[in-house]
């Protein structure tokens, strides 16, 4: 998977988590949502890919 594909996949996953959170229902799971977002956005392979893309600019 390319760096761009890894980044796009992470953005899609993060968007899905946020869409789920924004559904109209009682919210008492903010910490769970935050933990899920951090899990997606702090993946080591994603961080390396983003670093490589930034250096390529």
PDB file of N, CA and C in Angstrom:
ATOM      1  N   UNK A   1       0.844  -1.180   0.000  1.00  0.00           N
ATOM      2  CA  UNK A   1       0.000   0.000   0.000  1.00  0.00           C
ATOM      3  C   UNK A   1       0.887   1.240   0.000  1.00  0.00           C
ATOM      4  N   UNK A   2       0.535   2.207  -0.821  1.00  0.00           N
ATOM      5  CA  UNK A   2       1.340   3.432  -0.890  1.00  0.00           C
ATOM      6  C   UNK A   2       1.066   4.323   0.320  1.00  0.00           C
ATOM      7  N   UNK A   3       1.941   5.298   0.508  1.00  0.00           N
ATOM      8  CA  UNK A   3       1.753   6.256   1.603  1.00  0.00           C
ATOM      9  C   UNK A   3       0.421   6.978   1.452  1.00  0.00           C
ATOM     10  N   UNK A   4       0.106   7.370   0.235  1.00  0.00           N
ATOM     11  CA  UNK A   4      -1.146   8.089  -0.012  1.00  0.00           C
ATOM     12  C   UNK A   4      -2.354   7.208   0.294  1.00  0.00           C
ATOM     13  N   UNK A   5      -2.265   5.936  -0.057  1.00  0.00           N
ATOM     14  CA  UNK A   5      -3.361   5.014   0.226  1.00  0.00           C
ATOM     15  C   UNK A   5      -3.540   4.817   1.725  1.00  0.00           C
ATOM     16  N   UNK A   6      -2.423   4.707   2.448  1.00  0.00           N
ATOM     17  CA  UNK A   6      -2.500   4.581   3.909  1.00  0.00           C
ATOM     18  C   UNK A   6      -3.165   5.805   4.529  1.00  0.00           C
ATOM     19  N   UNK A   7      -2.780   6.986   4.065  1.00  0.00           N
ATOM     20  CA  UNK A   7      -3.351   8.220   4.594  1.00  0.00           C
ATOM     21  C   UNK A   7      -4.837   8.305   4.264  1.00  0.00           C
ATOM     22  N   UNK A   8      -5.198   7.972   3.046  1.00  0.00           N
ATOM     23  CA  UNK A   8      -6.598   8.018   2.645  1.00  0.00           C
ATOM     24  C   UNK A   8      -7.434   7.029   3.440  1.00  0.00           C
ATOM     25  N   UNK A   9      -6.920   5.847   3.658  1.00  0.00           N
ATOM     26  CA  UNK A   9      -7.635   4.852   4.450  1.00  0.00           C
ATOM     27  C   UNK A   9      -7.868   5.363   5.879  1.00  0.00           C
ATOM     28  N   UNK A  10      -6.854   5.970   6.468  1.00  0.00           N
ATOM     29  CA  UNK A  10      -6.985   6.493   7.829  1.00  0.00           C
ATOM     30  C   UNK A  10      -8.029   7.608   7.889  1.00  0.00           C
ATOM     31  N   UNK A  11      -8.026   8.484   6.892  1.00  0.00           N
ATOM     32  CA  UNK A  11      -9.014   9.570   6.861  1.00  0.00           C
ATOM     33  C   UNK A  11     -10.418   8.987   6.739  1.00  0.00           C
ATOM     34  N   UNK A  12     -10.582   8.001   5.879  1.00  0.00           N
ATOM     35  CA  UNK A  12     -11.900   7.369   5.732  1.00  0.00           C
ATOM     36  C   UNK A  12     -12.365   6.738   7.040  1.00  0.00           C
ATOM     37  N   UNK A  13     -11.459   6.039   7.713  1.00  0.00           N
ATOM     38  CA  UNK A  13     -11.813   5.417   8.993  1.00  0.00           C
ATOM     39  C   UNK A  13     -12.184   6.472  10.026  1.00  0.00           C
ATOM     40  N   UNK A  14     -11.404   7.545  10.084  1.00  0.00           N
ATOM     41  CA  UNK A  14     -11.687   8.623  11.031  1.00  0.00           C
ATOM     42  C   UNK A  14     -13.033   9.268  10.721  1.00  0.00           C
ATOM     43  N   UNK A  15     -13.323   9.474   9.437  1.00  0.00           N
ATOM     44  CA  UNK A  15     -14.613  10.041   9.057  1.00  0.00           C
ATOM     45  C   UNK A  15     -15.762   9.119   9.486  1.00  0.00           C
ATOM     46  N   UNK A  16     -15.576   7.826   9.327  1.00  0.00           N
ATOM     47  CA  UNK A  16     -16.600   6.870   9.746  1.00  0.00           C
ATOM     48  C   UNK A  16     -16.847   6.931  11.242  1.00  0.00           C
ATOM     49  N   UNK A  17     -15.785   7.053  12.013  1.00  0.00           N
ATOM     50  CA  UNK A  17     -15.922   7.158  13.465  1.00  0.00           C
ATOM     51  C   UNK A  17     -16.676   8.434  13.829  1.00  0.00           C
ATOM     52  N   UNK A  18     -16.334   9.544  13.177  1.00  0.00           N
ATOM     53  CA  UNK A  18     -17.019  10.811  13.458  1.00  0.00           C
ATOM     54  C   UNK A  18     -18.480  10.770  13.021  1.00  0.00           C
ATOM     55  N   UNK A  19     -18.771  10.149  11.888  1.00  0.00           N
ATOM     56  CA  UNK A  19     -20.157  10.020  11.442  1.00  0.00           C
ATOM     57  C   UNK A  19     -20.974   9.231  12.458  1.00  0.00           C
ATOM     58  N   UNK A  20     -20.383   8.165  12.965  1.00  0.00           N
ATOM     59  CA  UNK A  20     -21.062   7.366  13.995  1.00  0.00           C
ATOM     60  C   UNK A  20     -21.330   8.215  15.239  1.00  0.00           C
ATOM     61  N   UNK A  21     -20.347   8.994  15.637  1.00  0.00           N
ATOM     62  CA  UNK A  21     -20.482   9.844  16.816  1.00  0.00           C
ATOM     63  C   UNK A  21     -21.576  10.894  16.630  1.00  0.00           C
ATOM     64  N   UNK A  22     -21.711  11.416  15.417  1.00  0.00           N
ATOM     65  CA  UNK A  22     -22.664  12.492  15.159  1.00  0.00           C
ATOM     66  C   UNK A  22     -24.102  12.013  14.977  1.00  0.00           C
ATOM     67  N   UNK A  23     -24.321  10.722  15.022  1.00  0.00           N
ATOM     68  CA  UNK A  23     -25.686  10.209  14.934  1.00  0.00           C
ATOM     69  C   UNK A  23     -26.490  10.719  16.130  1.00  0.00           C
ATOM     70  N   UNK A  24     -27.752  11.087  15.891  1.00  0.00           N
ATOM     71  CA  UNK A  24     -28.574  11.610  16.991  1.00  0.00           C
ATOM     72  C   UNK A  24     -28.951  10.509  17.991  1.00  0.00           C
ATOM     73  N   UNK A  25     -28.252  10.505  19.074  1.00  0.00           N
ATOM     74  CA  UNK A  25     -28.522   9.570  20.178  1.00  0.00           C
ATOM     75  C   UNK A  25     -27.778  10.076  21.404  1.00  0.00           C
ATOM     76  N   UNK A  26     -28.133   9.569  22.556  1.00  0.00           N
ATOM     77  CA  UNK A  26     -27.438  10.016  23.769  1.00  0.00           C
ATOM     78  C   UNK A  26     -25.932   9.753  23.661  1.00  0.00           C
ATOM     79  N   UNK A  27     -25.160  10.729  24.102  1.00  0.00           N
ATOM     80  CA  UNK A  27     -23.699  10.600  24.032  1.00  0.00           C
ATOM     81  C   UNK A  27     -23.118  10.471  25.426  1.00  0.00           C
ATOM     82  N   UNK A  28     -22.567   9.332  25.666  1.00  0.00           N
ATOM     83  CA  UNK A  28     -21.841   9.135  26.919  1.00  0.00           C
ATOM     84  C   UNK A  28     -20.563   8.357  26.644  1.00  0.00           C
ATOM     85  N   UNK A  29     -20.168   8.364  25.375  1.00  0.00           N
ATOM     86  CA  UNK A  29     -19.012   7.563  24.983  1.00  0.00           C
ATOM     87  C   UNK A  29     -17.924   8.396  24.318  1.00  0.00           C
ATOM     88  N   UNK A  30     -17.803   9.643  24.723  1.00  0.00           N
ATOM     89  CA  UNK A  30     -16.807  10.509  24.103  1.00  0.00           C
ATOM     90  C   UNK A  30     -15.400   9.932  24.211  1.00  0.00           C
ATOM     91  N   UNK A  31     -15.097   9.355  25.337  1.00  0.00           N
ATOM     92  CA  UNK A  31     -13.751   8.792  25.541  1.00  0.00           C
ATOM     93  C   UNK A  31     -13.508   7.625  24.587  1.00  0.00           C
ATOM     94  N   UNK A  32     -14.507   6.809  24.366  1.00  0.00           N
ATOM     95  CA  UNK A  32     -14.375   5.678  23.443  1.00  0.00           C
ATOM     96  C   UNK A  32     -14.122   6.188  22.030  1.00  0.00           C
ATOM     97  N   UNK A  33     -14.870   7.216  21.620  1.00  0.00           N
ATOM     98  CA  UNK A  33     -14.694   7.797  20.289  1.00  0.00           C
ATOM     99  C   UNK A  33     -13.289   8.369  20.157  1.00  0.00           C
ATOM    100  N   UNK A  34     -12.853   9.115  21.153  1.00  0.00           N
ATOM    101  CA  UNK A  34     -11.508   9.696  21.120  1.00  0.00           C
ATOM    102  C   UNK A  34     -10.447   8.605  21.046  1.00  0.00           C
ATOM    103  N   UNK A  35     -10.605   7.554  21.817  1.00  0.00           N
ATOM    104  CA  UNK A  35      -9.647   6.449  21.787  1.00  0.00           C
ATOM    105  C   UNK A  35      -9.600   5.796  20.410  1.00  0.00           C
ATOM    106  N   UNK A  36     -10.755   5.638  19.773  1.00  0.00           N
ATOM    107  CA  UNK A  36     -10.797   5.045  18.439  1.00  0.00           C
ATOM    108  C   UNK A  36     -10.104   5.936  17.422  1.00  0.00           C
ATOM    109  N   UNK A  37     -10.340   7.246  17.515  1.00  0.00           N
ATOM    110  CA  UNK A  37      -9.677   8.178  16.600  1.00  0.00           C
ATOM    111  C   UNK A  37      -8.162   8.151  16.784  1.00  0.00           C
ATOM    112  N   UNK A  38      -7.716   8.157  18.012  1.00  0.00           N
ATOM    113  CA  UNK A  38      -6.277   8.112  18.289  1.00  0.00           C
ATOM    114  C   UNK A  38      -5.687   6.813  17.751  1.00  0.00           C
ATOM    115  N   UNK A  39      -6.400   5.721  17.938  1.00  0.00           N
ATOM    116  CA  UNK A  39      -5.918   4.432  17.445  1.00  0.00           C
ATOM    117  C   UNK A  39      -5.704   4.465  15.933  1.00  0.00           C
ATOM    118  N   UNK A  40      -6.624   5.082  15.216  1.00  0.00           N
ATOM    119  CA  UNK A  40      -6.515   5.173  13.759  1.00  0.00           C
ATOM    120  C   UNK A  40      -5.394   6.128  13.350  1.00  0.00           C
ATOM    121  N   UNK A  41      -5.364   7.301  13.956  1.00  0.00           N
ATOM    122  CA  UNK A  41      -4.457   8.358  13.507  1.00  0.00           C
ATOM    123  C   UNK A  41      -3.030   8.233  14.033  1.00  0.00           C
ATOM    124  N   UNK A  42      -2.819   7.388  15.018  1.00  0.00           N
ATOM    125  CA  UNK A  42      -1.479   7.225  15.584  1.00  0.00           C
ATOM    126  C   UNK A  42      -0.854   5.879  15.222  1.00  0.00           C
ATOM    127  N   UNK A  43      -1.382   5.227  14.198  1.00  0.00           N
ATOM    128  CA  UNK A  43      -0.783   3.965  13.759  1.00  0.00           C
ATOM    129  C   UNK A  43       0.643   4.232  13.288  1.00  0.00           C
ATOM    130  N   UNK A  44       1.580   3.412  13.743  1.00  0.00           N
ATOM    131  CA  UNK A  44       2.982   3.650  13.369  1.00  0.00           C
ATOM    132  C   UNK A  44       3.191   3.723  11.861  1.00  0.00           C
ATOM    133  N   UNK A  45       2.563   2.830  11.109  1.00  0.00           N
ATOM    134  CA  UNK A  45       2.768   2.846   9.659  1.00  0.00           C
ATOM    135  C   UNK A  45       2.205   4.117   9.029  1.00  0.00           C
ATOM    136  N   UNK A  46       1.132   4.660   9.596  1.00  0.00           N
ATOM    137  CA  UNK A  46       0.570   5.909   9.095  1.00  0.00           C
ATOM    138  C   UNK A  46       1.502   7.078   9.405  1.00  0.00           C
ATOM    139  N   UNK A  47       2.032   7.113  10.604  1.00  0.00           N
ATOM    140  CA  UNK A  47       2.943   8.194  10.985  1.00  0.00           C
ATOM    141  C   UNK A  47       4.190   8.197  10.098  1.00  0.00           C
ATOM    142  N   UNK A  48       4.706   7.022   9.800  1.00  0.00           N
ATOM    143  CA  UNK A  48       5.874   6.924   8.912  1.00  0.00           C
ATOM    144  C   UNK A  48       5.503   7.403   7.514  1.00  0.00           C
ATOM    145  N   UNK A  49       4.340   6.986   7.026  1.00  0.00           N
ATOM    146  CA  UNK A  49       3.902   7.381   5.688  1.00  0.00           C
ATOM    147  C   UNK A  49       3.733   8.895   5.595  1.00  0.00           C
ATOM    148  N   UNK A  50       3.120   9.494   6.593  1.00  0.00           N
ATOM    149  CA  UNK A  50       2.924  10.947   6.588  1.00  0.00           C
ATOM    150  C   UNK A  50       4.267  11.669   6.637  1.00  0.00           C
ATOM    151  N   UNK A  51       5.175  11.159   7.435  1.00  0.00           N
ATOM    152  CA  UNK A  51       6.508  11.755   7.509  1.00  0.00           C
ATOM    153  C   UNK A  51       7.193  11.710   6.146  1.00  0.00           C
ATOM    154  N   UNK A  52       7.086  10.577   5.469  1.00  0.00           N
ATOM    155  CA  UNK A  52       7.693  10.466   4.133  1.00  0.00           C
ATOM    156  C   UNK A  52       7.053  11.431   3.155  1.00  0.00           C
ATOM    157  N   UNK A  53       5.732  11.556   3.222  1.00  0.00           N
ATOM    158  CA  UNK A  53       5.037  12.483   2.308  1.00  0.00           C
ATOM    159  C   UNK A  53       5.439  13.924   2.588  1.00  0.00           C
ATOM    160  N   UNK A  54       5.580  14.278   3.855  1.00  0.00           N
ATOM    161  CA  UNK A  54       5.975  15.645   4.208  1.00  0.00           C
ATOM    162  C   UNK A  54       7.377  15.958   3.716  1.00  0.00           C
ATOM    163  N   UNK A  55       8.276  15.000   3.821  1.00  0.00           N
ATOM    164  CA  UNK A  55       9.656  15.213   3.359  1.00  0.00           C
ATOM    165  C   UNK A  55       9.700  15.352   1.842  1.00  0.00           C
ATOM    166  N   UNK A  56       8.745  14.762   1.159  1.00  0.00           N
ATOM    167  CA  UNK A  56       8.717  14.808  -0.300  1.00  0.00           C
ATOM    168  C   UNK A  56       8.202  16.106  -0.850  1.00  0.00           C
ATOM    169  N   UNK A  57       7.671  16.991   0.011  1.00  0.00           N
ATOM    170  CA  UNK A  57       7.122  18.266  -0.477  1.00  0.00           C
ATOM    171  C   UNK A  57       8.208  19.219  -0.879  1.00  0.00           C
TER     172      UNK A  57
END
